[in-house]
Amino acid sequence: MKNVVGSSNAKYYIKERLINMIENPTQFDGETPNNLIIICGDPGCGKSMLSKSIATELQDKARYFKVSSETFMSPYIGESEKQFSALWQVCQKADKPCLLFMEEIG
C-alpha cells in the first residue's frame, strides 16, 4: 500500500486487521476475523486506489472482486438479488478469502 498517498488511518487499520490476518492466520488463532470493512468517502478520495492496492498486496492469498452497482441492475424483479447471490456463493466456495469491492453504491 506504499503507492497510496495519505489515508494513513485507513491504511494502518487495513494492514493490521485485514492484511496481517490473511497473511499470518496462526497469529490470530481464537480471534474472530473481520468479515466486513467499509471504506467510504467523497468521490476522488482514494477508495478505489486503496482497494486495488490491497488486492495487489494480497494477490496470491486472496481473491478480489470489483463490481459496481450497475453490475446488479436489472429491469426484472429478483434478478439483481440472483446476481448478487451468485457472486456471494462464489465467495463462500472459494479456496481463499475473498475481497469484494463494491463501487458506486448510492
PDB file of N, CA and C in Angstrom:
ATOM      1  N   MET A   1       0.822  -1.189   0.000  1.00  0.00           N
ATOM      2  CA  MET A   1       0.000   0.000   0.000  1.00  0.00           C
ATOM      3  C   MET A   1       0.865   1.251   0.000  1.00  0.00           C
ATOM      4  N   LYS A   2       2.102   1.077  -0.331  1.00  0.00           N
ATOM      5  CA  LYS A   2       3.022   2.202  -0.345  1.00  0.00           C
ATOM      6  C   LYS A   2       2.692   3.202  -1.452  1.00  0.00           C
ATOM      7  N   ASN A   3       1.999   2.728  -2.492  1.00  0.00           N
ATOM      8  CA  ASN A   3       1.686   3.628  -3.599  1.00  0.00           C
ATOM      9  C   ASN A   3       0.476   4.516  -3.328  1.00  0.00           C
ATOM     10  N   VAL A   4      -0.171   4.352  -2.197  1.00  0.00           N
ATOM     11  CA  VAL A   4      -1.325   5.176  -1.836  1.00  0.00           C
ATOM     12  C   VAL A   4      -0.850   6.274  -0.887  1.00  0.00           C
ATOM     13  N   VAL A   5      -1.053   7.504  -1.301  1.00  0.00           N
ATOM     14  CA  VAL A   5      -0.621   8.652  -0.502  1.00  0.00           C
ATOM     15  C   VAL A   5      -1.766   9.078   0.410  1.00  0.00           C
ATOM     16  N   GLY A   6      -1.446   9.409   1.646  1.00  0.00           N
ATOM     17  CA  GLY A   6      -2.477   9.831   2.597  1.00  0.00           C
ATOM     18  C   GLY A   6      -3.229   8.640   3.147  1.00  0.00           C
ATOM     19  N   SER A   7      -4.406   8.883   3.673  1.00  0.00           N
ATOM     20  CA  SER A   7      -5.270   7.836   4.235  1.00  0.00           C
ATOM     21  C   SER A   7      -4.525   6.973   5.251  1.00  0.00           C
ATOM     22  N   SER A   8      -3.666   7.573   6.047  1.00  0.00           N
ATOM     23  CA  SER A   8      -2.819   6.798   6.951  1.00  0.00           C
ATOM     24  C   SER A   8      -3.628   5.987   7.961  1.00  0.00           C
ATOM     25  N   ASN A   9      -4.710   6.537   8.494  1.00  0.00           N
ATOM     26  CA  ASN A   9      -5.529   5.781   9.446  1.00  0.00           C
ATOM     27  C   ASN A   9      -6.158   4.561   8.790  1.00  0.00           C
ATOM     28  N   ALA A  10      -6.704   4.739   7.598  1.00  0.00           N
ATOM     29  CA  ALA A  10      -7.329   3.622   6.881  1.00  0.00           C
ATOM     30  C   ALA A  10      -6.281   2.567   6.533  1.00  0.00           C
ATOM     31  N   LYS A  11      -5.123   3.003   6.056  1.00  0.00           N
ATOM     32  CA  LYS A  11      -4.072   2.055   5.690  1.00  0.00           C
ATOM     33  C   LYS A  11      -3.589   1.274   6.911  1.00  0.00           C
ATOM     34  N   TYR A  12      -3.439   1.945   8.040  1.00  0.00           N
ATOM     35  CA  TYR A  12      -2.997   1.265   9.256  1.00  0.00           C
ATOM     36  C   TYR A  12      -4.023   0.209   9.678  1.00  0.00           C
ATOM     37  N   TYR A  13      -5.284   0.579   9.702  1.00  0.00           N
ATOM     38  CA  TYR A  13      -6.328  -0.357  10.117  1.00  0.00           C
ATOM     39  C   TYR A  13      -6.392  -1.558   9.176  1.00  0.00           C
ATOM     40  N   ILE A  14      -6.350  -1.293   7.882  1.00  0.00           N
ATOM     41  CA  ILE A  14      -6.423  -2.377   6.897  1.00  0.00           C
ATOM     42  C   ILE A  14      -5.212  -3.298   7.021  1.00  0.00           C
ATOM     43  N   LYS A  15      -4.042  -2.721   7.206  1.00  0.00           N
ATOM     44  CA  LYS A  15      -2.828  -3.532   7.360  1.00  0.00           C
ATOM     45  C   LYS A  15      -2.909  -4.395   8.610  1.00  0.00           C
ATOM     46  N   GLU A  16      -3.307  -3.796   9.726  1.00  0.00           N
ATOM     47  CA  GLU A  16      -3.340  -4.517  10.998  1.00  0.00           C
ATOM     48  C   GLU A  16      -4.456  -5.556  11.075  1.00  0.00           C
ATOM     49  N   ARG A  17      -5.628  -5.225  10.594  1.00  0.00           N
ATOM     50  CA  ARG A  17      -6.785  -6.085  10.817  1.00  0.00           C
ATOM     51  C   ARG A  17      -7.206  -6.923   9.620  1.00  0.00           C
ATOM     52  N   LEU A  18      -6.696  -6.649   8.456  1.00  0.00           N
ATOM     53  CA  LEU A  18      -7.094  -7.430   7.286  1.00  0.00           C
ATOM     54  C   LEU A  18      -5.888  -8.143   6.679  1.00  0.00           C
ATOM     55  N   ILE A  19      -4.916  -7.385   6.250  1.00  0.00           N
ATOM     56  CA  ILE A  19      -3.772  -7.983   5.555  1.00  0.00           C
ATOM     57  C   ILE A  19      -2.999  -8.922   6.475  1.00  0.00           C
ATOM     58  N   ASN A  20      -2.688  -8.480   7.690  1.00  0.00           N
ATOM     59  CA  ASN A  20      -1.950  -9.352   8.620  1.00  0.00           C
ATOM     60  C   ASN A  20      -2.739 -10.609   8.954  1.00  0.00           C
ATOM     61  N   MET A  21      -4.049 -10.504   9.069  1.00  0.00           N
ATOM     62  CA  MET A  21      -4.867 -11.665   9.406  1.00  0.00           C
ATOM     63  C   MET A  21      -4.874 -12.684   8.269  1.00  0.00           C
ATOM     64  N   ILE A  22      -4.844 -12.202   7.039  1.00  0.00           N
ATOM     65  CA  ILE A  22      -4.829 -13.117   5.893  1.00  0.00           C
ATOM     66  C   ILE A  22      -3.429 -13.695   5.688  1.00  0.00           C
ATOM     67  N   GLU A  23      -2.395 -12.872   5.842  1.00  0.00           N
ATOM     68  CA  GLU A  23      -1.026 -13.333   5.622  1.00  0.00           C
ATOM     69  C   GLU A  23      -0.519 -14.245   6.741  1.00  0.00           C
ATOM     70  N   ASN A  24      -0.940 -14.004   7.969  1.00  0.00           N
ATOM     71  CA  ASN A  24      -0.447 -14.767   9.124  1.00  0.00           C
ATOM     72  C   ASN A  24      -1.614 -15.241   9.990  1.00  0.00           C
ATOM     73  N   PRO A  25      -2.429 -16.147   9.498  1.00  0.00           N
ATOM     74  CA  PRO A  25      -3.626 -16.543  10.252  1.00  0.00           C
ATOM     75  C   PRO A  25      -3.325 -17.203  11.599  1.00  0.00           C
ATOM     76  N   THR A  26      -2.167 -17.839  11.742  1.00  0.00           N
ATOM     77  CA  THR A  26      -1.863 -18.511  13.008  1.00  0.00           C
ATOM     78  C   THR A  26      -1.619 -17.518  14.143  1.00  0.00           C
ATOM     79  N   GLN A  27      -1.238 -16.295  13.817  1.00  0.00           N
ATOM     80  CA  GLN A  27      -1.048 -15.270  14.849  1.00  0.00           C
ATOM     81  C   GLN A  27      -2.369 -14.862  15.485  1.00  0.00           C
ATOM     82  N   PHE A  28      -3.472 -15.116  14.799  1.00  0.00           N
ATOM     83  CA  PHE A  28      -4.771 -14.640  15.252  1.00  0.00           C
ATOM     84  C   PHE A  28      -5.692 -15.777  15.666  1.00  0.00           C
ATOM     85  N   ASP A  29      -5.124 -16.915  16.045  1.00  0.00           N
ATOM     86  CA  ASP A  29      -5.941 -18.041  16.483  1.00  0.00           C
ATOM     87  C   ASP A  29      -6.855 -17.603  17.624  1.00  0.00           C
ATOM     88  N   GLY A  30      -8.103 -17.940  17.509  1.00  0.00           N
ATOM     89  CA  GLY A  30      -9.065 -17.594  18.546  1.00  0.00           C
ATOM     90  C   GLY A  30      -9.751 -16.267  18.328  1.00  0.00           C
ATOM     91  N   GLU A  31      -9.218 -15.424  17.461  1.00  0.00           N
ATOM     92  CA  GLU A  31      -9.854 -14.134  17.172  1.00  0.00           C
ATOM     93  C   GLU A  31     -10.844 -14.294  16.031  1.00  0.00           C
ATOM     94  N   THR A  32     -11.903 -13.552  16.098  1.00  0.00           N
ATOM     95  CA  THR A  32     -12.875 -13.549  15.014  1.00  0.00           C
ATOM     96  C   THR A  32     -12.337 -12.705  13.870  1.00  0.00           C
ATOM     97  N   PRO A  33     -12.276 -13.270  12.662  1.00  0.00           N
ATOM     98  CA  PRO A  33     -11.765 -12.475  11.541  1.00  0.00           C
ATOM     99  C   PRO A  33     -12.733 -11.366  11.154  1.00  0.00           C
ATOM    100  N   ASN A  34     -12.189 -10.325  10.544  1.00  0.00           N
ATOM    101  CA  ASN A  34     -13.040  -9.246  10.050  1.00  0.00           C
ATOM    102  C   ASN A  34     -13.808  -9.734   8.838  1.00  0.00           C
ATOM    103  N   ASN A  35     -15.103  -9.690   8.927  1.00  0.00           N
ATOM    104  CA  ASN A  35     -15.927 -10.092   7.800  1.00  0.00           C
ATOM    105  C   ASN A  35     -16.325  -8.905   6.945  1.00  0.00           C
ATOM    106  N   LEU A  36     -16.145  -7.707   7.462  1.00  0.00           N
ATOM    107  CA  LEU A  36     -16.604  -6.537   6.733  1.00  0.00           C
ATOM    108  C   LEU A  36     -15.761  -5.325   7.108  1.00  0.00           C
ATOM    109  N   ILE A  37     -15.261  -4.659   6.109  1.00  0.00           N
ATOM    110  CA  ILE A  37     -14.621  -3.366   6.289  1.00  0.00           C
ATOM    111  C   ILE A  37     -15.258  -2.438   5.275  1.00  0.00           C
ATOM    112  N   ILE A  38     -15.772  -1.344   5.734  1.00  0.00           N
ATOM    113  CA  ILE A  38     -16.399  -0.367   4.844  1.00  0.00           C
ATOM    114  C   ILE A  38     -15.455   0.811   4.687  1.00  0.00           C
ATOM    115  N   ILE A  39     -15.108   1.089   3.448  1.00  0.00           N
ATOM    116  CA  ILE A  39     -14.285   2.253   3.128  1.00  0.00           C
ATOM    117  C   ILE A  39     -15.205   3.248   2.438  1.00  0.00           C
ATOM    118  N   CYS A  40     -15.459   4.359   3.081  1.00  0.00           N
ATOM    119  CA  CYS A  40     -16.378   5.326   2.481  1.00  0.00           C
ATOM    120  C   CYS A  40     -15.732   6.692   2.442  1.00  0.00           C
ATOM    121  N   GLY A  41     -16.250   7.534   1.580  1.00  0.00           N
ATOM    122  CA  GLY A  41     -15.715   8.879   1.463  1.00  0.00           C
ATOM    123  C   GLY A  41     -16.206   9.548   0.205  1.00  0.00           C
ATOM    124  N   ASP A  42     -15.837  10.789   0.069  1.00  0.00           N
ATOM    125  CA  ASP A  42     -16.241  11.564  -1.102  1.00  0.00           C
ATOM    126  C   ASP A  42     -15.597  11.012  -2.366  1.00  0.00           C
ATOM    127  N   PRO A  43     -16.193  11.321  -3.522  1.00  0.00           N
ATOM    128  CA  PRO A  43     -15.562  10.912  -4.783  1.00  0.00           C
ATOM    129  C   PRO A  43     -14.149  11.488  -4.888  1.00  0.00           C
ATOM    130  N   GLY A  44     -13.228  10.658  -5.339  1.00  0.00           N
ATOM    131  CA  GLY A  44     -11.864  11.114  -5.544  1.00  0.00           C
ATOM    132  C   GLY A  44     -10.963  11.048  -4.334  1.00  0.00           C
ATOM    133  N   CYS A  45     -11.432  10.458  -3.226  1.00  0.00           N
ATOM    134  CA  CYS A  45     -10.594  10.440  -2.015  1.00  0.00           C
ATOM    135  C   CYS A  45      -9.658   9.231  -1.958  1.00  0.00           C
ATOM    136  N   GLY A  46      -9.738   8.329  -2.924  1.00  0.00           N
ATOM    137  CA  GLY A  46      -8.782   7.223  -2.982  1.00  0.00           C
ATOM    138  C   GLY A  46      -9.298   5.858  -2.594  1.00  0.00           C
ATOM    139  N   LYS A  47     -10.608   5.693  -2.498  1.00  0.00           N
ATOM    140  CA  LYS A  47     -11.161   4.392  -2.108  1.00  0.00           C
ATOM    141  C   LYS A  47     -10.794   3.303  -3.113  1.00  0.00           C
ATOM    142  N   SER A  48     -10.959   3.594  -4.395  1.00  0.00           N
ATOM    143  CA  SER A  48     -10.656   2.600  -5.432  1.00  0.00           C
ATOM    144  C   SER A  48      -9.171   2.270  -5.454  1.00  0.00           C
ATOM    145  N   MET A  49      -8.337   3.280  -5.338  1.00  0.00           N
ATOM    146  CA  MET A  49      -6.891   3.045  -5.346  1.00  0.00           C
ATOM    147  C   MET A  49      -6.483   2.217  -4.129  1.00  0.00           C
ATOM    148  N   LEU A  50      -7.085   2.493  -2.994  1.00  0.00           N
ATOM    149  CA  LEU A  50      -6.792   1.729  -1.788  1.00  0.00           C
ATOM    150  C   LEU A  50      -7.198   0.270  -1.963  1.00  0.00           C
ATOM    151  N   SER A  51      -8.354   0.025  -2.556  1.00  0.00           N
ATOM    152  CA  SER A  51      -8.795  -1.358  -2.755  1.00  0.00           C
ATOM    153  C   SER A  51      -7.890  -2.086  -3.743  1.00  0.00           C
ATOM    154  N   LYS A  52      -7.455  -1.405  -4.799  1.00  0.00           N
ATOM    155  CA  LYS A  52      -6.531  -2.023  -5.761  1.00  0.00           C
ATOM    156  C   LYS A  52      -5.196  -2.341  -5.097  1.00  0.00           C
ATOM    157  N   SER A  53      -4.760  -1.468  -4.235  1.00  0.00           N
ATOM    158  CA  SER A  53      -3.509  -1.685  -3.518  1.00  0.00           C
ATOM    159  C   SER A  53      -3.610  -2.901  -2.599  1.00  0.00           C
ATOM    160  N   ILE A  54      -4.742  -3.049  -1.928  1.00  0.00           N
ATOM    161  CA  ILE A  54      -4.974  -4.218  -1.067  1.00  0.00           C
ATOM    162  C   ILE A  54      -4.952  -5.487  -1.915  1.00  0.00           C
ATOM    163  N   ALA A  55      -5.635  -5.444  -3.054  1.00  0.00           N
ATOM    164  CA  ALA A  55      -5.690  -6.608  -3.946  1.00  0.00           C
ATOM    165  C   ALA A  55      -4.299  -6.983  -4.439  1.00  0.00           C
ATOM    166  N   THR A  56      -3.503  -5.990  -4.778  1.00  0.00           N
ATOM    167  CA  THR A  56      -2.142  -6.256  -5.247  1.00  0.00           C
ATOM    168  C   THR A  56      -1.297  -6.883  -4.140  1.00  0.00           C
ATOM    169  N   GLU A  57      -1.434  -6.373  -2.954  1.00  0.00           N
ATOM    170  CA  GLU A  57      -0.650  -6.886  -1.832  1.00  0.00           C
ATOM    171  C   GLU A  57      -1.041  -8.321  -1.467  1.00  0.00           C
ATOM    172  N   LEU A  58      -2.300  -8.667  -1.684  1.00  0.00           N
ATOM    173  CA  LEU A  58      -2.789 -10.000  -1.316  1.00  0.00           C
ATOM    174  C   LEU A  58      -3.061 -10.891  -2.524  1.00  0.00           C
ATOM    175  N   GLN A  59      -2.464 -10.588  -3.657  1.00  0.00           N
ATOM    176  CA  GLN A  59      -2.834 -11.268  -4.893  1.00  0.00           C
ATOM    177  C   GLN A  59      -2.696 -12.788  -4.844  1.00  0.00           C
ATOM    178  N   ASP A  60      -1.753 -13.327  -4.086  1.00  0.00           N
ATOM    179  CA  ASP A  60      -1.597 -14.780  -4.002  1.00  0.00           C
ATOM    180  C   ASP A  60      -2.374 -15.398  -2.848  1.00  0.00           C
ATOM    181  N   LYS A  61      -2.889 -14.563  -1.964  1.00  0.00           N
ATOM    182  CA  LYS A  61      -3.516 -15.070  -0.749  1.00  0.00           C
ATOM    183  C   LYS A  61      -5.017 -14.849  -0.672  1.00  0.00           C
ATOM    184  N   ALA A  62      -5.555 -14.081  -1.601  1.00  0.00           N
ATOM    185  CA  ALA A  62      -6.998 -13.783  -1.570  1.00  0.00           C
ATOM    186  C   ALA A  62      -7.508 -13.542  -2.984  1.00  0.00           C
ATOM    187  N   ARG A  63      -8.783 -13.737  -3.164  1.00  0.00           N
ATOM    188  CA  ARG A  63      -9.432 -13.427  -4.438  1.00  0.00           C
ATOM    189  C   ARG A  63     -10.041 -12.030  -4.330  1.00  0.00           C
ATOM    190  N   TYR A  64     -10.031 -11.311  -5.435  1.00  0.00           N
ATOM    191  CA  TYR A  64     -10.504  -9.924  -5.450  1.00  0.00           C
ATOM    192  C   TYR A  64     -11.596  -9.779  -6.503  1.00  0.00           C
ATOM    193  N   PHE A  65     -12.728  -9.260  -6.080  1.00  0.00           N
ATOM    194  CA  PHE A  65     -13.836  -8.983  -6.992  1.00  0.00           C
ATOM    195  C   PHE A  65     -14.181  -7.506  -6.886  1.00  0.00           C
ATOM    196  N   LYS A  66     -14.201  -6.827  -8.004  1.00  0.00           N
ATOM    197  CA  LYS A  66     -14.597  -5.424  -8.026  1.00  0.00           C
ATOM    198  C   LYS A  66     -15.846  -5.320  -8.894  1.00  0.00           C
ATOM    199  N   VAL A  67     -16.915  -4.867  -8.292  1.00  0.00           N
ATOM    200  CA  VAL A  67     -18.181  -4.727  -9.009  1.00  0.00           C
ATOM    201  C   VAL A  67     -18.769  -3.350  -8.705  1.00  0.00           C
ATOM    202  N   SER A  68     -19.568  -2.872  -9.623  1.00  0.00           N
ATOM    203  CA  SER A  68     -20.271  -1.611  -9.378  1.00  0.00           C
ATOM    204  C   SER A  68     -21.749  -1.917  -9.222  1.00  0.00           C
ATOM    205  N   SER A  69     -22.480  -0.948  -8.764  1.00  0.00           N
ATOM    206  CA  SER A  69     -23.918  -1.163  -8.580  1.00  0.00           C
ATOM    207  C   SER A  69     -24.591  -1.489  -9.911  1.00  0.00           C
ATOM    208  N   GLU A  70     -24.023  -1.017 -11.010  1.00  0.00           N
ATOM    209  CA  GLU A  70     -24.594  -1.310 -12.332  1.00  0.00           C
ATOM    210  C   GLU A  70     -24.546  -2.794 -12.657  1.00  0.00           C
ATOM    211  N   THR A  71     -23.593  -3.507 -12.070  1.00  0.00           N
ATOM    212  CA  THR A  71     -23.464  -4.942 -12.295  1.00  0.00           C
ATOM    213  C   THR A  71     -24.746  -5.678 -11.898  1.00  0.00           C
ATOM    214  N   PHE A  72     -25.389  -5.188 -10.867  1.00  0.00           N
ATOM    215  CA  PHE A  72     -26.560  -5.868 -10.331  1.00  0.00           C
ATOM    216  C   PHE A  72     -27.884  -5.270 -10.795  1.00  0.00           C
ATOM    217  N   MET A  73     -27.831  -4.232 -11.604  1.00  0.00           N
ATOM    218  CA  MET A  73     -29.056  -3.596 -12.086  1.00  0.00           C
ATOM    219  C   MET A  73     -29.775  -4.499 -13.086  1.00  0.00           C
ATOM    220  N   SER A  74     -31.061  -4.615 -12.930  1.00  0.00           N
ATOM    221  CA  SER A  74     -31.858  -5.403 -13.857  1.00  0.00           C
ATOM    222  C   SER A  74     -33.290  -4.890 -13.835  1.00  0.00           C
ATOM    223  N   PRO A  75     -33.937  -4.877 -14.978  1.00  0.00           N
ATOM    224  CA  PRO A  75     -35.331  -4.451 -15.000  1.00  0.00           C
ATOM    225  C   PRO A  75     -36.286  -5.547 -14.509  1.00  0.00           C
ATOM    226  N   TYR A  76     -35.764  -6.741 -14.295  1.00  0.00           N
ATOM    227  CA  TYR A  76     -36.608  -7.869 -13.895  1.00  0.00           C
ATOM    228  C   TYR A  76     -36.578  -8.064 -12.385  1.00  0.00           C
ATOM    229  N   ILE A  77     -37.728  -8.272 -11.810  1.00  0.00           N
ATOM    230  CA  ILE A  77     -37.858  -8.451 -10.366  1.00  0.00           C
ATOM    231  C   ILE A  77     -37.089  -9.691  -9.926  1.00  0.00           C
ATOM    232  N   GLY A  78     -36.248  -9.515  -8.932  1.00  0.00           N
ATOM    233  CA  GLY A  78     -35.499 -10.620  -8.356  1.00  0.00           C
ATOM    234  C   GLY A  78     -34.192 -10.936  -9.063  1.00  0.00           C
ATOM    235  N   GLU A  79     -33.955 -10.383 -10.234  1.00  0.00           N
ATOM    236  CA  GLU A  79     -32.742 -10.693 -10.990  1.00  0.00           C
ATOM    237  C   GLU A  79     -31.498 -10.112 -10.315  1.00  0.00           C
ATOM    238  N   SER A  80     -31.596  -8.912  -9.769  1.00  0.00           N
ATOM    239  CA  SER A  80     -30.453  -8.305  -9.068  1.00  0.00           C
ATOM    240  C   SER A  80     -30.039  -9.163  -7.876  1.00  0.00           C
ATOM    241  N   GLU A  81     -31.022  -9.640  -7.137  1.00  0.00           N
ATOM    242  CA  GLU A  81     -30.746 -10.485  -5.980  1.00  0.00           C
ATOM    243  C   GLU A  81     -30.077 -11.784  -6.404  1.00  0.00           C
ATOM    244  N   LYS A  82     -30.521 -12.362  -7.517  1.00  0.00           N
ATOM    245  CA  LYS A  82     -29.914 -13.603  -8.020  1.00  0.00           C
ATOM    246  C   LYS A  82     -28.456 -13.385  -8.393  1.00  0.00           C
ATOM    247  N   GLN A  83     -28.178 -12.256  -9.039  1.00  0.00           N
ATOM    248  CA  GLN A  83     -26.803 -11.969  -9.447  1.00  0.00           C
ATOM    249  C   GLN A  83     -25.904 -11.788  -8.230  1.00  0.00           C
ATOM    250  N   PHE A  84     -26.380 -11.051  -7.238  1.00  0.00           N
ATOM    251  CA  PHE A  84     -25.583 -10.866  -6.035  1.00  0.00           C
ATOM    252  C   PHE A  84     -25.410 -12.187  -5.296  1.00  0.00           C
ATOM    253  N   SER A  85     -26.448 -12.968  -5.223  1.00  0.00           N
ATOM    254  CA  SER A  85     -26.384 -14.267  -4.555  1.00  0.00           C
ATOM    255  C   SER A  85     -25.372 -15.188  -5.244  1.00  0.00           C
ATOM    256  N   ALA A  86     -25.334 -15.149  -6.569  1.00  0.00           N
ATOM    257  CA  ALA A  86     -24.375 -15.976  -7.306  1.00  0.00           C
ATOM    258  C   ALA A  86     -22.941 -15.564  -6.973  1.00  0.00           C
ATOM    259  N   LEU A  87     -22.690 -14.272  -6.913  1.00  0.00           N
ATOM    260  CA  LEU A  87     -21.357 -13.791  -6.554  1.00  0.00           C
ATOM    261  C   LEU A  87     -21.019 -14.200  -5.125  1.00  0.00           C
ATOM    262  N   TRP A  88     -21.987 -14.083  -4.229  1.00  0.00           N
ATOM    263  CA  TRP A  88     -21.774 -14.454  -2.832  1.00  0.00           C
ATOM    264  C   TRP A  88     -21.449 -15.945  -2.708  1.00  0.00           C
ATOM    265  N   GLN A  89     -22.111 -16.769  -3.489  1.00  0.00           N
ATOM    266  CA  GLN A  89     -21.839 -18.214  -3.482  1.00  0.00           C
ATOM    267  C   GLN A  89     -20.415 -18.509  -3.940  1.00  0.00           C
ATOM    268  N   VAL A  90     -19.961 -17.795  -4.963  1.00  0.00           N
ATOM    269  CA  VAL A  90     -18.586 -17.957  -5.437  1.00  0.00           C
ATOM    270  C   VAL A  90     -17.614 -17.622  -4.309  1.00  0.00           C
ATOM    271  N   CYS A  91     -17.882 -16.542  -3.600  1.00  0.00           N
ATOM    272  CA  CYS A  91     -17.015 -16.137  -2.487  1.00  0.00           C
ATOM    273  C   CYS A  91     -17.012 -17.177  -1.373  1.00  0.00           C
ATOM    274  N   GLN A  92     -18.165 -17.721  -1.062  1.00  0.00           N
ATOM    275  CA  GLN A  92     -18.252 -18.704   0.019  1.00  0.00           C
ATOM    276  C   GLN A  92     -17.540 -20.005  -0.324  1.00  0.00           C
ATOM    277  N   LYS A  93     -17.544 -20.380  -1.594  1.00  0.00           N
ATOM    278  CA  LYS A  93     -16.943 -21.643  -2.013  1.00  0.00           C
ATOM    279  C   LYS A  93     -15.473 -21.504  -2.400  1.00  0.00           C
ATOM    280  N   ALA A  94     -14.945 -20.306  -2.385  1.00  0.00           N
ATOM    281  CA  ALA A  94     -13.567 -20.072  -2.809  1.00  0.00           C
ATOM    282  C   ALA A  94     -12.574 -20.731  -1.855  1.00  0.00           C
ATOM    283  N   ASP A  95     -11.436 -21.085  -2.398  1.00  0.00           N
ATOM    284  CA  ASP A  95     -10.404 -21.724  -1.604  1.00  0.00           C
ATOM    285  C   ASP A  95      -9.538 -20.722  -0.841  1.00  0.00           C
ATOM    286  N   LYS A  96      -9.780 -19.432  -1.043  1.00  0.00           N
ATOM    287  CA  LYS A  96      -9.041 -18.359  -0.378  1.00  0.00           C
ATOM    288  C   LYS A  96     -10.033 -17.328   0.133  1.00  0.00           C
ATOM    289  N   PRO A  97      -9.633 -16.477   1.057  1.00  0.00           N
ATOM    290  CA  PRO A  97     -10.509 -15.367   1.448  1.00  0.00           C
ATOM    291  C   PRO A  97     -10.817 -14.495   0.225  1.00  0.00           C
ATOM    292  N   CYS A  98     -11.962 -13.883   0.220  1.00  0.00           N
ATOM    293  CA  CYS A  98     -12.366 -13.042  -0.905  1.00  0.00           C
ATOM    294  C   CYS A  98     -12.526 -11.592  -0.459  1.00  0.00           C
ATOM    295  N   LEU A  99     -12.063 -10.706  -1.303  1.00  0.00           N
ATOM    296  CA  LEU A  99     -12.234  -9.276  -1.095  1.00  0.00           C
ATOM    297  C   LEU A  99     -13.237  -8.806  -2.133  1.00  0.00           C
ATOM    298  N   LEU A 100     -14.356  -8.305  -1.674  1.00  0.00           N
ATOM    299  CA  LEU A 100     -15.423  -7.855  -2.559  1.00  0.00           C
ATOM    300  C   LEU A 100     -15.500  -6.340  -2.445  1.00  0.00           C
ATOM    301  N   PHE A 101     -15.102  -5.657  -3.507  1.00  0.00           N
ATOM    302  CA  PHE A 101     -15.123  -4.193  -3.526  1.00  0.00           C
ATOM    303  C   PHE A 101     -16.310  -3.759  -4.374  1.00  0.00           C
ATOM    304  N   MET A 102     -17.282  -3.128  -3.727  1.00  0.00           N
ATOM    305  CA  MET A 102     -18.493  -2.664  -4.418  1.00  0.00           C
ATOM    306  C   MET A 102     -18.394  -1.169  -4.575  1.00  0.00           C
ATOM    307  N   GLU A 103     -18.431  -0.728  -5.805  1.00  0.00           N
ATOM    308  CA  GLU A 103     -18.227   0.670  -6.128  1.00  0.00           C
ATOM    309  C   GLU A 103     -19.540   1.322  -6.571  1.00  0.00           C
ATOM    310  N   GLU A 104     -19.629   2.612  -6.347  1.00  0.00           N
ATOM    311  CA  GLU A 104     -20.759   3.418  -6.818  1.00  0.00           C
ATOM    312  C   GLU A 104     -22.094   2.967  -6.244  1.00  0.00           C
ATOM    313  N   ILE A 105     -22.101   2.717  -4.951  1.00  0.00           N
ATOM    314  CA  ILE A 105     -23.366   2.360  -4.284  1.00  0.00           C
ATOM    315  C   ILE A 105     -23.996   3.648  -3.797  1.00  0.00           C
ATOM    316  N   GLY A 106     -25.239   3.809  -4.059  1.00  0.00           N
ATOM    317  CA  GLY A 106     -25.837   5.003  -3.535  1.00  0.00           C
ATOM    318  C   GLY A 106     -26.945   5.466  -4.350  1.00  0.00           C
TER     319      GLY A 106
END
